[in-house]
Amino acid sequence: MTIETTYDKYYPNLVRFAYSVYKDQDDAEDIVSRMFARLLEKPNYYILDETKNVWAWLVTRLRMVIAESYKLDRNEGHWRKY
């Protein structure tokens, strides 16, 4: 499965998943686009053809990108997006 095919097939659902975290459509689209950009940066590292459950694999990658976009503000004790 190519990145383009994967993008076309899964992008809308991944955006909905990201929206459930961010509650903002633009932020959701941005984070999913950022995840796909990373896939394009290292095409040999991410081998989608060998992945049995592409949806689960993509959601895991998306969760990682979302987690990286947040930092814990220790002074206030809550997550803050940067």
PDB file of N, CA and C in Angstrom:
ATOM      1  N   MET A   1       0.852  -1.176   0.000  1.00  0.00           N
ATOM      2  CA  MET A   1       0.000   0.000   0.000  1.00  0.00           C
ATOM      3  C   MET A   1       0.897   1.239   0.000  1.00  0.00           C
ATOM      4  N   THR A   2       0.626   2.133  -0.905  1.00  0.00           N
ATOM      5  CA  THR A   2       1.434   3.351  -0.991  1.00  0.00           C
ATOM      6  C   THR A   2       0.958   4.381   0.034  1.00  0.00           C
ATOM      7  N   ILE A   3       1.809   5.353   0.280  1.00  0.00           N
ATOM      8  CA  ILE A   3       1.443   6.440   1.191  1.00  0.00           C
ATOM      9  C   ILE A   3       0.221   7.183   0.649  1.00  0.00           C
ATOM     10  N   GLU A   4       0.184   7.405  -0.668  1.00  0.00           N
ATOM     11  CA  GLU A   4      -0.929   8.119  -1.271  1.00  0.00           C
ATOM     12  C   GLU A   4      -2.246   7.377  -1.072  1.00  0.00           C
ATOM     13  N   THR A   5      -2.234   6.074  -1.296  1.00  0.00           N
ATOM     14  CA  THR A   5      -3.431   5.256  -1.105  1.00  0.00           C
ATOM     15  C   THR A   5      -3.854   5.259   0.357  1.00  0.00           C
ATOM     16  N   THR A   6      -2.866   5.128   1.223  1.00  0.00           N
ATOM     17  CA  THR A   6      -3.136   5.133   2.659  1.00  0.00           C
ATOM     18  C   THR A   6      -3.753   6.464   3.070  1.00  0.00           C
ATOM     19  N   TYR A   7      -3.179   7.553   2.573  1.00  0.00           N
ATOM     20  CA  TYR A   7      -3.685   8.894   2.884  1.00  0.00           C
ATOM     21  C   TYR A   7      -5.142   9.025   2.439  1.00  0.00           C
ATOM     22  N   ASP A   8      -5.406   8.671   1.200  1.00  0.00           N
ATOM     23  CA  ASP A   8      -6.763   8.802   0.668  1.00  0.00           C
ATOM     24  C   ASP A   8      -7.775   7.969   1.456  1.00  0.00           C
ATOM     25  N   LYS A   9      -7.363   6.796   1.863  1.00  0.00           N
ATOM     26  CA  LYS A   9      -8.279   5.882   2.545  1.00  0.00           C
ATOM     27  C   LYS A   9      -8.514   6.250   4.012  1.00  0.00           C
ATOM     28  N   TYR A  10      -7.466   6.664   4.714  1.00  0.00           N
ATOM     29  CA  TYR A  10      -7.554   6.813   6.163  1.00  0.00           C
ATOM     30  C   TYR A  10      -7.588   8.256   6.675  1.00  0.00           C
ATOM     31  N   TYR A  11      -7.235   9.221   5.857  1.00  0.00           N
ATOM     32  CA  TYR A  11      -7.159  10.617   6.322  1.00  0.00           C
ATOM     33  C   TYR A  11      -8.435  11.097   7.016  1.00  0.00           C
ATOM     34  N   PRO A  12      -9.626  10.931   6.411  1.00  0.00           N
ATOM     35  CA  PRO A  12     -10.832  11.450   7.077  1.00  0.00           C
ATOM     36  C   PRO A  12     -11.057  10.854   8.472  1.00  0.00           C
ATOM     37  N   ASN A  13     -10.862   9.561   8.625  1.00  0.00           N
ATOM     38  CA  ASN A  13     -11.062   8.922   9.927  1.00  0.00           C
ATOM     39  C   ASN A  13      -9.985   9.331  10.933  1.00  0.00           C
ATOM     40  N   LEU A  14      -8.765   9.515  10.462  1.00  0.00           N
ATOM     41  CA  LEU A  14      -7.697   9.962  11.355  1.00  0.00           C
ATOM     42  C   LEU A  14      -7.956  11.388  11.842  1.00  0.00           C
ATOM     43  N   VAL A  15      -8.490  12.224  10.965  1.00  0.00           N
ATOM     44  CA  VAL A  15      -8.841  13.587  11.367  1.00  0.00           C
ATOM     45  C   VAL A  15      -9.942  13.551  12.417  1.00  0.00           C
ATOM     46  N   ARG A  16     -10.927  12.674  12.248  1.00  0.00           N
ATOM     47  CA  ARG A  16     -11.982  12.558  13.257  1.00  0.00           C
ATOM     48  C   ARG A  16     -11.403  12.104  14.595  1.00  0.00           C
ATOM     49  N   PHE A  17     -10.454  11.169  14.530  1.00  0.00           N
ATOM     50  CA  PHE A  17      -9.809  10.710  15.763  1.00  0.00           C
ATOM     51  C   PHE A  17      -9.061  11.867  16.428  1.00  0.00           C
ATOM     52  N   ALA A  18      -8.285  12.608  15.646  1.00  0.00           N
ATOM     53  CA  ALA A  18      -7.531  13.744  16.196  1.00  0.00           C
ATOM     54  C   ALA A  18      -8.479  14.826  16.716  1.00  0.00           C
ATOM     55  N   TYR A  19      -9.605  15.015  16.056  1.00  0.00           N
ATOM     56  CA  TYR A  19     -10.580  16.001  16.513  1.00  0.00           C
ATOM     57  C   TYR A  19     -11.111  15.645  17.899  1.00  0.00           C
ATOM     58  N   SER A  20     -11.241  14.350  18.166  1.00  0.00           N
ATOM     59  CA  SER A  20     -11.730  13.931  19.487  1.00  0.00           C
ATOM     60  C   SER A  20     -10.749  14.324  20.590  1.00  0.00           C
ATOM     61  N   VAL A  21      -9.489  14.538  20.223  1.00  0.00           N
ATOM     62  CA  VAL A  21      -8.476  14.978  21.187  1.00  0.00           C
ATOM     63  C   VAL A  21      -8.437  16.499  21.261  1.00  0.00           C
ATOM     64  N   TYR A  22      -8.353  17.153  20.117  1.00  0.00           N
ATOM     65  CA  TYR A  22      -8.132  18.602  20.061  1.00  0.00           C
ATOM     66  C   TYR A  22      -9.393  19.446  20.142  1.00  0.00           C
ATOM     67  N   LYS A  23     -10.507  18.900  19.692  1.00  0.00           N
ATOM     68  CA  LYS A  23     -11.775  19.648  19.634  1.00  0.00           C
ATOM     69  C   LYS A  23     -11.667  20.881  18.741  1.00  0.00           C
ATOM     70  N   ASP A  24     -10.769  20.816  17.770  1.00  0.00           N
ATOM     71  CA  ASP A  24     -10.572  21.902  16.806  1.00  0.00           C
ATOM     72  C   ASP A  24     -10.220  21.277  15.462  1.00  0.00           C
ATOM     73  N   GLN A  25     -11.007  21.585  14.446  1.00  0.00           N
ATOM     74  CA  GLN A  25     -10.830  20.957  13.138  1.00  0.00           C
ATOM     75  C   GLN A  25      -9.469  21.278  12.519  1.00  0.00           C
ATOM     76  N   ASP A  26      -9.044  22.534  12.587  1.00  0.00           N
ATOM     77  CA  ASP A  26      -7.757  22.919  11.999  1.00  0.00           C
ATOM     78  C   ASP A  26      -6.596  22.211  12.676  1.00  0.00           C
ATOM     79  N   ASP A  27      -6.621  22.132  14.002  1.00  0.00           N
ATOM     80  CA  ASP A  27      -5.566  21.429  14.730  1.00  0.00           C
ATOM     81  C   ASP A  27      -5.557  19.941  14.386  1.00  0.00           C
ATOM     82  N   ALA A  28      -6.742  19.364  14.258  1.00  0.00           N
ATOM     83  CA  ALA A  28      -6.845  17.944  13.916  1.00  0.00           C
ATOM     84  C   ALA A  28      -6.254  17.678  12.529  1.00  0.00           C
ATOM     85  N   GLU A  29      -6.599  18.499  11.566  1.00  0.00           N
ATOM     86  CA  GLU A  29      -6.062  18.336  10.213  1.00  0.00           C
ATOM     87  C   GLU A  29      -4.550  18.547  10.207  1.00  0.00           C
ATOM     88  N   ASP A  30      -4.072  19.518  10.965  1.00  0.00           N
ATOM     89  CA  ASP A  30      -2.644  19.807  11.031  1.00  0.00           C
ATOM     90  C   ASP A  30      -1.850  18.628  11.596  1.00  0.00           C
ATOM     91  N   ILE A  31      -2.334  18.039  12.672  1.00  0.00           N
ATOM     92  CA  ILE A  31      -1.584  16.958  13.308  1.00  0.00           C
ATOM     93  C   ILE A  31      -1.568  15.710  12.430  1.00  0.00           C
ATOM     94  N   VAL A  32      -2.659  15.434  11.730  1.00  0.00           N
ATOM     95  CA  VAL A  32      -2.695  14.280  10.819  1.00  0.00           C
ATOM     96  C   VAL A  32      -1.767  14.540   9.636  1.00  0.00           C
ATOM     97  N   SER A  33      -1.763  15.746   9.118  1.00  0.00           N
ATOM     98  CA  SER A  33      -0.843  16.092   8.033  1.00  0.00           C
ATOM     99  C   SER A  33       0.609  15.967   8.478  1.00  0.00           C
ATOM    100  N   ARG A  34       0.876  16.380   9.716  1.00  0.00           N
ATOM    101  CA  ARG A  34       2.228  16.257  10.268  1.00  0.00           C
ATOM    102  C   ARG A  34       2.653  14.783  10.347  1.00  0.00           C
ATOM    103  N   MET A  35       1.713  13.923  10.748  1.00  0.00           N
ATOM    104  CA  MET A  35       2.029  12.496  10.824  1.00  0.00           C
ATOM    105  C   MET A  35       2.368  11.935   9.438  1.00  0.00           C
ATOM    106  N   PHE A  36       1.569  12.278   8.431  1.00  0.00           N
ATOM    107  CA  PHE A  36       1.839  11.791   7.079  1.00  0.00           C
ATOM    108  C   PHE A  36       3.137  12.381   6.523  1.00  0.00           C
ATOM    109  N   ALA A  37       3.451  13.615   6.881  1.00  0.00           N
ATOM    110  CA  ALA A  37       4.717  14.209   6.439  1.00  0.00           C
ATOM    111  C   ALA A  37       5.895  13.409   6.987  1.00  0.00           C
ATOM    112  N   ARG A  38       5.785  12.949   8.217  1.00  0.00           N
ATOM    113  CA  ARG A  38       6.842  12.118   8.791  1.00  0.00           C
ATOM    114  C   ARG A  38       6.973  10.796   8.053  1.00  0.00           C
ATOM    115  N   LEU A  39       5.851  10.242   7.641  1.00  0.00           N
ATOM    116  CA  LEU A  39       5.901   8.996   6.882  1.00  0.00           C
ATOM    117  C   LEU A  39       6.631   9.204   5.548  1.00  0.00           C
ATOM    118  N   LEU A  40       6.421  10.366   4.951  1.00  0.00           N
ATOM    119  CA  LEU A  40       7.086  10.663   3.679  1.00  0.00           C
ATOM    120  C   LEU A  40       8.574  10.941   3.854  1.00  0.00           C
ATOM    121  N   GLU A  41       8.967  11.443   5.027  1.00  0.00           N
ATOM    122  CA  GLU A  41      10.381  11.731   5.277  1.00  0.00           C
ATOM    123  C   GLU A  41      11.216  10.459   5.362  1.00  0.00           C
ATOM    124  N   LYS A  42      10.623   9.375   5.862  1.00  0.00           N
ATOM    125  CA  LYS A  42      11.350   8.111   6.036  1.00  0.00           C
ATOM    126  C   LYS A  42      10.554   6.969   5.413  1.00  0.00           C
ATOM    127  N   PRO A  43      10.412   6.965   4.089  1.00  0.00           N
ATOM    128  CA  PRO A  43       9.557   5.960   3.454  1.00  0.00           C
ATOM    129  C   PRO A  43      10.041   4.520   3.653  1.00  0.00           C
ATOM    130  N   ASN A  44      11.326   4.303   3.775  1.00  0.00           N
ATOM    131  CA  ASN A  44      11.826   2.943   3.951  1.00  0.00           C
ATOM    132  C   ASN A  44      11.659   2.441   5.380  1.00  0.00           C
ATOM    133  N   TYR A  45      11.511   3.357   6.326  1.00  0.00           N
ATOM    134  CA  TYR A  45      11.351   2.986   7.729  1.00  0.00           C
ATOM    135  C   TYR A  45       9.940   2.457   7.991  1.00  0.00           C
ATOM    136  N   TYR A  46       8.983   3.064   7.357  1.00  0.00           N
ATOM    137  CA  TYR A  46       7.583   2.679   7.549  1.00  0.00           C
ATOM    138  C   TYR A  46       7.156   1.794   6.388  1.00  0.00           C
ATOM    139  N   ILE A  47       7.029   0.534   6.631  1.00  0.00           N
ATOM    140  CA  ILE A  47       6.676  -0.411   5.584  1.00  0.00           C
ATOM    141  C   ILE A  47       5.214  -0.812   5.786  1.00  0.00           C
ATOM    142  N   LEU A  48       4.336  -0.120   5.089  1.00  0.00           N
ATOM    143  CA  LEU A  48       2.909  -0.346   5.267  1.00  0.00           C
ATOM    144  C   LEU A  48       2.462  -1.689   4.701  1.00  0.00           C
ATOM    145  N   ASP A  49       3.155  -2.190   3.688  1.00  0.00           N
ATOM    146  CA  ASP A  49       2.754  -3.456   3.089  1.00  0.00           C
ATOM    147  C   ASP A  49       2.881  -4.621   4.057  1.00  0.00           C
ATOM    148  N   GLU A  50       3.777  -4.512   5.024  1.00  0.00           N
ATOM    149  CA  GLU A  50       3.982  -5.595   5.968  1.00  0.00           C
ATOM    150  C   GLU A  50       3.134  -5.449   7.227  1.00  0.00           C
ATOM    151  N   THR A  51       2.388  -4.356   7.310  1.00  0.00           N
ATOM    152  CA  THR A  51       1.546  -4.106   8.470  1.00  0.00           C
ATOM    153  C   THR A  51       0.212  -4.800   8.267  1.00  0.00           C
ATOM    154  N   LYS A  52      -0.169  -5.635   9.217  1.00  0.00           N
ATOM    155  CA  LYS A  52      -1.413  -6.393   9.077  1.00  0.00           C
ATOM    156  C   LYS A  52      -2.638  -5.528   9.352  1.00  0.00           C
ATOM    157  N   ASN A  53      -2.559  -4.664  10.340  1.00  0.00           N
ATOM    158  CA  ASN A  53      -3.675  -3.799  10.667  1.00  0.00           C
ATOM    159  C   ASN A  53      -3.228  -2.349  10.493  1.00  0.00           C
ATOM    160  N   VAL A  54      -3.408  -1.826   9.301  1.00  0.00           N
ATOM    161  CA  VAL A  54      -2.922  -0.492   8.958  1.00  0.00           C
ATOM    162  C   VAL A  54      -3.589   0.568   9.836  1.00  0.00           C
ATOM    163  N   TRP A  55      -4.895   0.448  10.069  1.00  0.00           N
ATOM    164  CA  TRP A  55      -5.596   1.430  10.892  1.00  0.00           C
ATOM    165  C   TRP A  55      -4.981   1.517  12.284  1.00  0.00           C
ATOM    166  N   ALA A  56      -4.765   0.396  12.929  1.00  0.00           N
ATOM    167  CA  ALA A  56      -4.185   0.399  14.278  1.00  0.00           C
ATOM    168  C   ALA A  56      -2.780   0.985  14.256  1.00  0.00           C
ATOM    169  N   TRP A  57      -2.021   0.664  13.237  1.00  0.00           N
ATOM    170  CA  TRP A  57      -0.653   1.181  13.109  1.00  0.00           C
ATOM    171  C   TRP A  57      -0.668   2.696  12.953  1.00  0.00           C
ATOM    172  N   LEU A  58      -1.579   3.200  12.114  1.00  0.00           N
ATOM    173  CA  LEU A  58      -1.672   4.647  11.899  1.00  0.00           C
ATOM    174  C   LEU A  58      -2.141   5.378  13.155  1.00  0.00           C
ATOM    175  N   VAL A  59      -3.099   4.816  13.860  1.00  0.00           N
ATOM    176  CA  VAL A  59      -3.578   5.451  15.085  1.00  0.00           C
ATOM    177  C   VAL A  59      -2.459   5.499  16.124  1.00  0.00           C
ATOM    178  N   THR A  60      -1.667   4.442  16.194  1.00  0.00           N
ATOM    179  CA  THR A  60      -0.528   4.436  17.119  1.00  0.00           C
ATOM    180  C   THR A  60       0.453   5.543  16.762  1.00  0.00           C
ATOM    181  N   ARG A  61       0.773   5.690  15.488  1.00  0.00           N
ATOM    182  CA  ARG A  61       1.674   6.753  15.045  1.00  0.00           C
ATOM    183  C   ARG A  61       1.073   8.122  15.340  1.00  0.00           C
ATOM    184  N   LEU A  62      -0.227   8.263  15.099  1.00  0.00           N
ATOM    185  CA  LEU A  62      -0.894   9.537  15.352  1.00  0.00           C
ATOM    186  C   LEU A  62      -0.862   9.870  16.838  1.00  0.00           C
ATOM    187  N   ARG A  63      -1.100   8.907  17.682  1.00  0.00           N
ATOM    188  CA  ARG A  63      -1.026   9.140  19.132  1.00  0.00           C
ATOM    189  C   ARG A  63       0.365   9.608  19.537  1.00  0.00           C
ATOM    190  N   MET A  64       1.383   9.049  18.916  1.00  0.00           N
ATOM    191  CA  MET A  64       2.754   9.464  19.220  1.00  0.00           C
ATOM    192  C   MET A  64       2.978  10.919  18.829  1.00  0.00           C
ATOM    193  N   VAL A  65       2.493  11.311  17.667  1.00  0.00           N
ATOM    194  CA  VAL A  65       2.657  12.694  17.205  1.00  0.00           C
ATOM    195  C   VAL A  65       1.853  13.641  18.104  1.00  0.00           C
ATOM    196  N   ILE A  66       0.666  13.235  18.502  1.00  0.00           N
ATOM    197  CA  ILE A  66      -0.145  14.053  19.407  1.00  0.00           C
ATOM    198  C   ILE A  66       0.576  14.228  20.738  1.00  0.00           C
ATOM    199  N   ALA A  67       1.114  13.145  21.277  1.00  0.00           N
ATOM    200  CA  ALA A  67       1.814  13.219  22.568  1.00  0.00           C
ATOM    201  C   ALA A  67       3.008  14.156  22.492  1.00  0.00           C
ATOM    202  N   GLU A  68       3.709  14.137  21.363  1.00  0.00           N
ATOM    203  CA  GLU A  68       4.857  15.022  21.197  1.00  0.00           C
ATOM    204  C   GLU A  68       4.442  16.483  21.122  1.00  0.00           C
ATOM    205  N   SER A  69       3.200  16.731  20.721  1.00  0.00           N
ATOM    206  CA  SER A  69       2.743  18.117  20.570  1.00  0.00           C
ATOM    207  C   SER A  69       2.295  18.728  21.897  1.00  0.00           C
ATOM    208  N   TYR A  70       2.297  17.940  22.929  1.00  0.00           N
ATOM    209  CA  TYR A  70       1.920  18.428  24.258  1.00  0.00           C
ATOM    210  C   TYR A  70       3.114  18.368  25.203  1.00  0.00           C
ATOM    211  N   LYS A  71       3.162  19.296  26.127  1.00  0.00           N
ATOM    212  CA  LYS A  71       4.159  19.264  27.194  1.00  0.00           C
ATOM    213  C   LYS A  71       3.429  19.423  28.510  1.00  0.00           C
ATOM    214  N   LEU A  72       3.944  18.788  29.516  1.00  0.00           N
ATOM    215  CA  LEU A  72       3.333  18.926  30.833  1.00  0.00           C
ATOM    216  C   LEU A  72       3.840  20.201  31.488  1.00  0.00           C
ATOM    217  N   ASP A  73       2.921  21.072  31.816  1.00  0.00           N
ATOM    218  CA  ASP A  73       3.266  22.287  32.540  1.00  0.00           C
ATOM    219  C   ASP A  73       3.250  21.928  34.024  1.00  0.00           C
ATOM    220  N   ARG A  74       4.401  21.618  34.582  1.00  0.00           N
ATOM    221  CA  ARG A  74       4.487  21.113  35.955  1.00  0.00           C
ATOM    222  C   ARG A  74       4.020  22.139  36.993  1.00  0.00           C
ATOM    223  N   ASN A  75       4.176  23.409  36.693  1.00  0.00           N
ATOM    224  CA  ASN A  75       3.759  24.430  37.654  1.00  0.00           C
ATOM    225  C   ASN A  75       2.243  24.460  37.831  1.00  0.00           C
ATOM    226  N   GLU A  76       1.527  24.244  36.737  1.00  0.00           N
ATOM    227  CA  GLU A  76       0.079  24.291  36.808  1.00  0.00           C
ATOM    228  C   GLU A  76      -0.535  22.901  36.876  1.00  0.00           C
ATOM    229  N   GLY A  77       0.250  21.857  36.601  1.00  0.00           N
ATOM    230  CA  GLY A  77      -0.222  20.488  36.735  1.00  0.00           C
ATOM    231  C   GLY A  77      -1.203  20.025  35.674  1.00  0.00           C
ATOM    232  N   HIS A  78      -1.142  20.601  34.487  1.00  0.00           N
ATOM    233  CA  HIS A  78      -2.005  20.119  33.408  1.00  0.00           C
ATOM    234  C   HIS A  78      -1.254  20.149  32.085  1.00  0.00           C
ATOM    235  N   TRP A  79      -1.797  19.458  31.083  1.00  0.00           N
ATOM    236  CA  TRP A  79      -1.153  19.402  29.779  1.00  0.00           C
ATOM    237  C   TRP A  79      -1.400  20.699  29.039  1.00  0.00           C
ATOM    238  N   ARG A  80      -0.363  21.198  28.426  1.00  0.00           N
ATOM    239  CA  ARG A  80      -0.471  22.418  27.652  1.00  0.00           C
ATOM    240  C   ARG A  80       0.091  22.154  26.259  1.00  0.00           C
ATOM    241  N   LYS A  81      -0.657  22.536  25.242  1.00  0.00           N
ATOM    242  CA  LYS A  81      -0.207  22.354  23.873  1.00  0.00           C
ATOM    243  C   LYS A  81       0.746  23.462  23.495  1.00  0.00           C
ATOM    244  N   TYR A  82       1.857  23.114  22.840  1.00  0.00           N
ATOM    245  CA  TYR A  82       2.827  24.096  22.373  1.00  0.00           C
ATOM    246  C   TYR A  82       2.948  24.037  20.879  1.00  0.00           C
TER     247      TYR A  82
END
